[in-house]
Amino acid sequence: MSNDFVLFGSNRPNDFSAGILNSVLPCLAEQQNKTDIFETAVRTKEKLLALLTETPGTLNSMDITDMLSVLLAHVVPSSSYKDSNGREYVSPSQISVTTKICVLQWIRSLHSHVPMKM
């Protein structure tokens, strides 16, 4: 179901990517039970990452500041970051290892595709 949001926002990824990522990252903590929530979160994050990295010029034309704010909010427990529109992303008091690994994978991928924006 969440994959529909990625497809819906594919023509304007800058508008939706940070919000989708912010919704998906906490769901990765459900890994132990392999719930439908976890499986959907994994598929959604993979589809979003593929959309951003495999579509030519997408990341180069995007302002990735909001996405970085979301990623940072999901690495440091009990922290908050504001995006360019003033929306605040607050991280949970505890962050799963799975979520942190995913965040690091995203940062690595962004760095390899658009190092000048990092």
C-alpha atoms as a PDB file:
ATOM      1  CA  MET A   1       0.000   0.000   0.000  1.00  0.00           C
ATOM      2  CA  SER A   2       2.726   2.552   0.895  1.00  0.00           C
ATOM      3  CA  ASN A   3       4.357   1.795  -2.411  1.00  0.00           C
ATOM      4  CA  ASP A   4       1.438   3.671  -3.972  1.00  0.00           C
ATOM      5  CA  PHE A   5       2.669   6.838  -2.282  1.00  0.00           C
ATOM      6  CA  VAL A   6       6.078   6.414  -3.882  1.00  0.00           C
ATOM      7  CA  LEU A   7       4.505   5.929  -7.304  1.00  0.00           C
ATOM      8  CA  PHE A   8       2.133   8.857  -6.733  1.00  0.00           C
ATOM      9  CA  GLY A   9       5.015  11.169  -5.863  1.00  0.00           C
ATOM     10  CA  SER A  10       7.368   9.911  -8.576  1.00  0.00           C
ATOM     11  CA  ASN A  11       6.833  12.947 -10.791  1.00  0.00           C
ATOM     12  CA  ARG A  12       7.597  15.329  -7.884  1.00  0.00           C
ATOM     13  CA  PRO A  13       9.969  13.419  -5.587  1.00  0.00           C
ATOM     14  CA  ASN A  14      11.227  16.544  -3.838  1.00  0.00           C
ATOM     15  CA  ASP A  15       7.742  17.207  -2.432  1.00  0.00           C
ATOM     16  CA  PHE A  16       7.153  13.773  -0.928  1.00  0.00           C
ATOM     17  CA  SER A  17      10.429  11.934  -0.333  1.00  0.00           C
ATOM     18  CA  ALA A  18      11.242  13.301   3.116  1.00  0.00           C
ATOM     19  CA  GLY A  19       7.724  12.660   4.414  1.00  0.00           C
ATOM     20  CA  ILE A  20       7.613   9.116   3.065  1.00  0.00           C
ATOM     21  CA  LEU A  21      11.045   8.394   4.500  1.00  0.00           C
ATOM     22  CA  ASN A  22      10.004   9.843   7.862  1.00  0.00           C
ATOM     23  CA  SER A  23       6.999   7.496   7.909  1.00  0.00           C
ATOM     24  CA  VAL A  24       8.903   4.395   6.820  1.00  0.00           C
ATOM     25  CA  LEU A  25      11.985   4.542   9.049  1.00  0.00           C
ATOM     26  CA  PRO A  26      10.243   3.889  12.402  1.00  0.00           C
ATOM     27  CA  CYS A  27       8.455   0.883  10.874  1.00  0.00           C
ATOM     28  CA  LEU A  28      11.798  -0.850  10.327  1.00  0.00           C
ATOM     29  CA  ALA A  29      11.948  -1.503  14.070  1.00  0.00           C
ATOM     30  CA  GLU A  30       9.370  -4.263  13.534  1.00  0.00           C
ATOM     31  CA  GLN A  31      12.048  -6.597  12.133  1.00  0.00           C
ATOM     32  CA  GLN A  32      11.877  -9.227  14.885  1.00  0.00           C
ATOM     33  CA  ASN A  33       8.299 -10.157  14.068  1.00  0.00           C
ATOM     34  CA  LYS A  34       8.582  -9.789  10.274  1.00  0.00           C
ATOM     35  CA  THR A  35       5.194  -8.108  10.295  1.00  0.00           C
ATOM     36  CA  ASP A  36       3.374  -6.788   7.252  1.00  0.00           C
ATOM     37  CA  ILE A  37       4.317  -3.330   8.487  1.00  0.00           C
ATOM     38  CA  PHE A  38       8.013  -4.206   8.364  1.00  0.00           C
ATOM     39  CA  GLU A  39       7.757  -5.862   4.942  1.00  0.00           C
ATOM     40  CA  THR A  40       5.869  -2.886   3.493  1.00  0.00           C
ATOM     41  CA  ALA A  41       8.388  -0.461   4.990  1.00  0.00           C
ATOM     42  CA  VAL A  42      11.286  -2.367   3.418  1.00  0.00           C
ATOM     43  CA  ARG A  43       9.630  -2.422  -0.022  1.00  0.00           C
ATOM     44  CA  THR A  44       8.732   1.255   0.218  1.00  0.00           C
ATOM     45  CA  LYS A  45      12.223   2.406   1.210  1.00  0.00           C
ATOM     46  CA  GLU A  46      13.761   0.295  -1.553  1.00  0.00           C
ATOM     47  CA  LYS A  47      11.339   1.653  -4.143  1.00  0.00           C
ATOM     48  CA  LEU A  48      11.930   5.241  -3.019  1.00  0.00           C
ATOM     49  CA  LEU A  49      15.695   4.828  -3.080  1.00  0.00           C
ATOM     50  CA  ALA A  50      15.515   3.255  -6.539  1.00  0.00           C
ATOM     51  CA  LEU A  51      13.307   6.102  -7.777  1.00  0.00           C
ATOM     52  CA  LEU A  52      15.753   8.696  -6.534  1.00  0.00           C
ATOM     53  CA  THR A  53      18.976   7.010  -7.616  1.00  0.00           C
ATOM     54  CA  GLU A  54      17.984   5.289 -10.858  1.00  0.00           C
ATOM     55  CA  THR A  55      16.025   8.118 -12.490  1.00  0.00           C
ATOM     56  CA  PRO A  56      18.610  10.273 -14.284  1.00  0.00           C
ATOM     57  CA  GLY A  57      19.009  13.757 -12.858  1.00  0.00           C
ATOM     58  CA  THR A  58      16.507  13.303 -10.027  1.00  0.00           C
ATOM     59  CA  LEU A  59      18.925  13.775  -7.142  1.00  0.00           C
ATOM     60  CA  ASN A  60      20.902  16.446  -8.977  1.00  0.00           C
ATOM     61  CA  SER A  61      17.779  18.579  -9.356  1.00  0.00           C
ATOM     62  CA  MET A  62      16.521  17.961  -5.813  1.00  0.00           C
ATOM     63  CA  ASP A  63      17.138  19.892  -2.645  1.00  0.00           C
ATOM     64  CA  ILE A  64      18.047  17.027  -0.317  1.00  0.00           C
ATOM     65  CA  THR A  65      18.140  19.182   2.834  1.00  0.00           C
ATOM     66  CA  ASP A  66      14.752  17.930   4.052  1.00  0.00           C
ATOM     67  CA  MET A  67      15.723  14.323   3.426  1.00  0.00           C
ATOM     68  CA  LEU A  68      18.947  14.797   5.391  1.00  0.00           C
ATOM     69  CA  SER A  69      16.957  16.325   8.262  1.00  0.00           C
ATOM     70  CA  VAL A  70      14.752  13.236   8.385  1.00  0.00           C
ATOM     71  CA  LEU A  71      17.744  10.909   8.237  1.00  0.00           C
ATOM     72  CA  LEU A  72      19.545  12.739  11.042  1.00  0.00           C
ATOM     73  CA  ALA A  73      16.403  12.714  13.180  1.00  0.00           C
ATOM     74  CA  HIS A  74      16.405   8.913  12.942  1.00  0.00           C
ATOM     75  CA  VAL A  75      20.002   8.459  14.040  1.00  0.00           C
ATOM     76  CA  VAL A  76      20.185  10.511  17.223  1.00  0.00           C
ATOM     77  CA  PRO A  77      17.544   9.530  19.823  1.00  0.00           C
ATOM     78  CA  SER A  78      15.287  12.289  21.172  1.00  0.00           C
ATOM     79  CA  SER A  79      16.521  14.874  18.702  1.00  0.00           C
ATOM     80  CA  SER A  80      14.640  17.139  16.338  1.00  0.00           C
ATOM     81  CA  TYR A  81      15.401  18.821  13.050  1.00  0.00           C
ATOM     82  CA  LYS A  82      13.430  21.325  11.018  1.00  0.00           C
ATOM     83  CA  ASP A  83      13.062  21.154   7.266  1.00  0.00           C
ATOM     84  CA  SER A  84      13.083  24.073   4.860  1.00  0.00           C
ATOM     85  CA  ASN A  85       9.331  24.593   5.381  1.00  0.00           C
ATOM     86  CA  GLY A  86       9.615  24.719   9.163  1.00  0.00           C
ATOM     87  CA  ARG A  87       8.187  21.225   9.733  1.00  0.00           C
ATOM     88  CA  GLU A  88       9.858  19.572  12.677  1.00  0.00           C
ATOM     89  CA  TYR A  89      11.019  15.956  12.585  1.00  0.00           C
ATOM     90  CA  VAL A  90      11.372  14.491  16.055  1.00  0.00           C
ATOM     91  CA  SER A  91      13.108  11.201  16.584  1.00  0.00           C
ATOM     92  CA  PRO A  92      11.826   8.584  19.002  1.00  0.00           C
ATOM     93  CA  SER A  93      13.559   8.140  22.341  1.00  0.00           C
ATOM     94  CA  GLN A  94      14.872   4.763  21.172  1.00  0.00           C
ATOM     95  CA  ILE A  95      15.910   3.931  17.625  1.00  0.00           C
ATOM     96  CA  SER A  96      16.332   0.363  16.421  1.00  0.00           C
ATOM     97  CA  VAL A  97      19.608  -0.870  14.985  1.00  0.00           C
ATOM     98  CA  THR A  98      17.766  -1.784  11.788  1.00  0.00           C
ATOM     99  CA  THR A  99      16.593   1.809  11.391  1.00  0.00           C
ATOM    100  CA  LYS A 100      20.078   3.180  12.027  1.00  0.00           C
ATOM    101  CA  ILE A 101      21.573   0.812   9.442  1.00  0.00           C
ATOM    102  CA  CYS A 102      18.962   1.897   6.913  1.00  0.00           C
ATOM    103  CA  VAL A 103      19.744   5.565   7.598  1.00  0.00           C
ATOM    104  CA  LEU A 104      23.457   4.919   7.070  1.00  0.00           C
ATOM    105  CA  GLN A 105      22.692   3.124   3.793  1.00  0.00           C
ATOM    106  CA  TRP A 106      20.666   6.121   2.625  1.00  0.00           C
ATOM    107  CA  ILE A 107      23.430   8.552   3.592  1.00  0.00           C
ATOM    108  CA  ARG A 108      26.010   6.414   1.792  1.00  0.00           C
ATOM    109  CA  SER A 109      23.832   6.237  -1.309  1.00  0.00           C
ATOM    110  CA  LEU A 110      23.179   9.978  -1.322  1.00  0.00           C
ATOM    111  CA  HIS A 111      26.873  10.645  -0.842  1.00  0.00           C
ATOM    112  CA  SER A 112      27.821   8.388  -3.740  1.00  0.00           C
ATOM    113  CA  HIS A 113      25.239   9.982  -6.084  1.00  0.00           C
ATOM    114  CA  VAL A 114      25.439  13.661  -5.079  1.00  0.00           C
ATOM    115  CA  PRO A 115      28.576  14.189  -2.977  1.00  0.00           C
ATOM    116  CA  MET A 116      28.590  17.944  -3.539  1.00  0.00           C
ATOM    117  CA  LYS A 117      25.200  18.268  -1.812  1.00  0.00           C
ATOM    118  CA  MET A 118      26.255  16.403   1.323  1.00  0.00           C
END
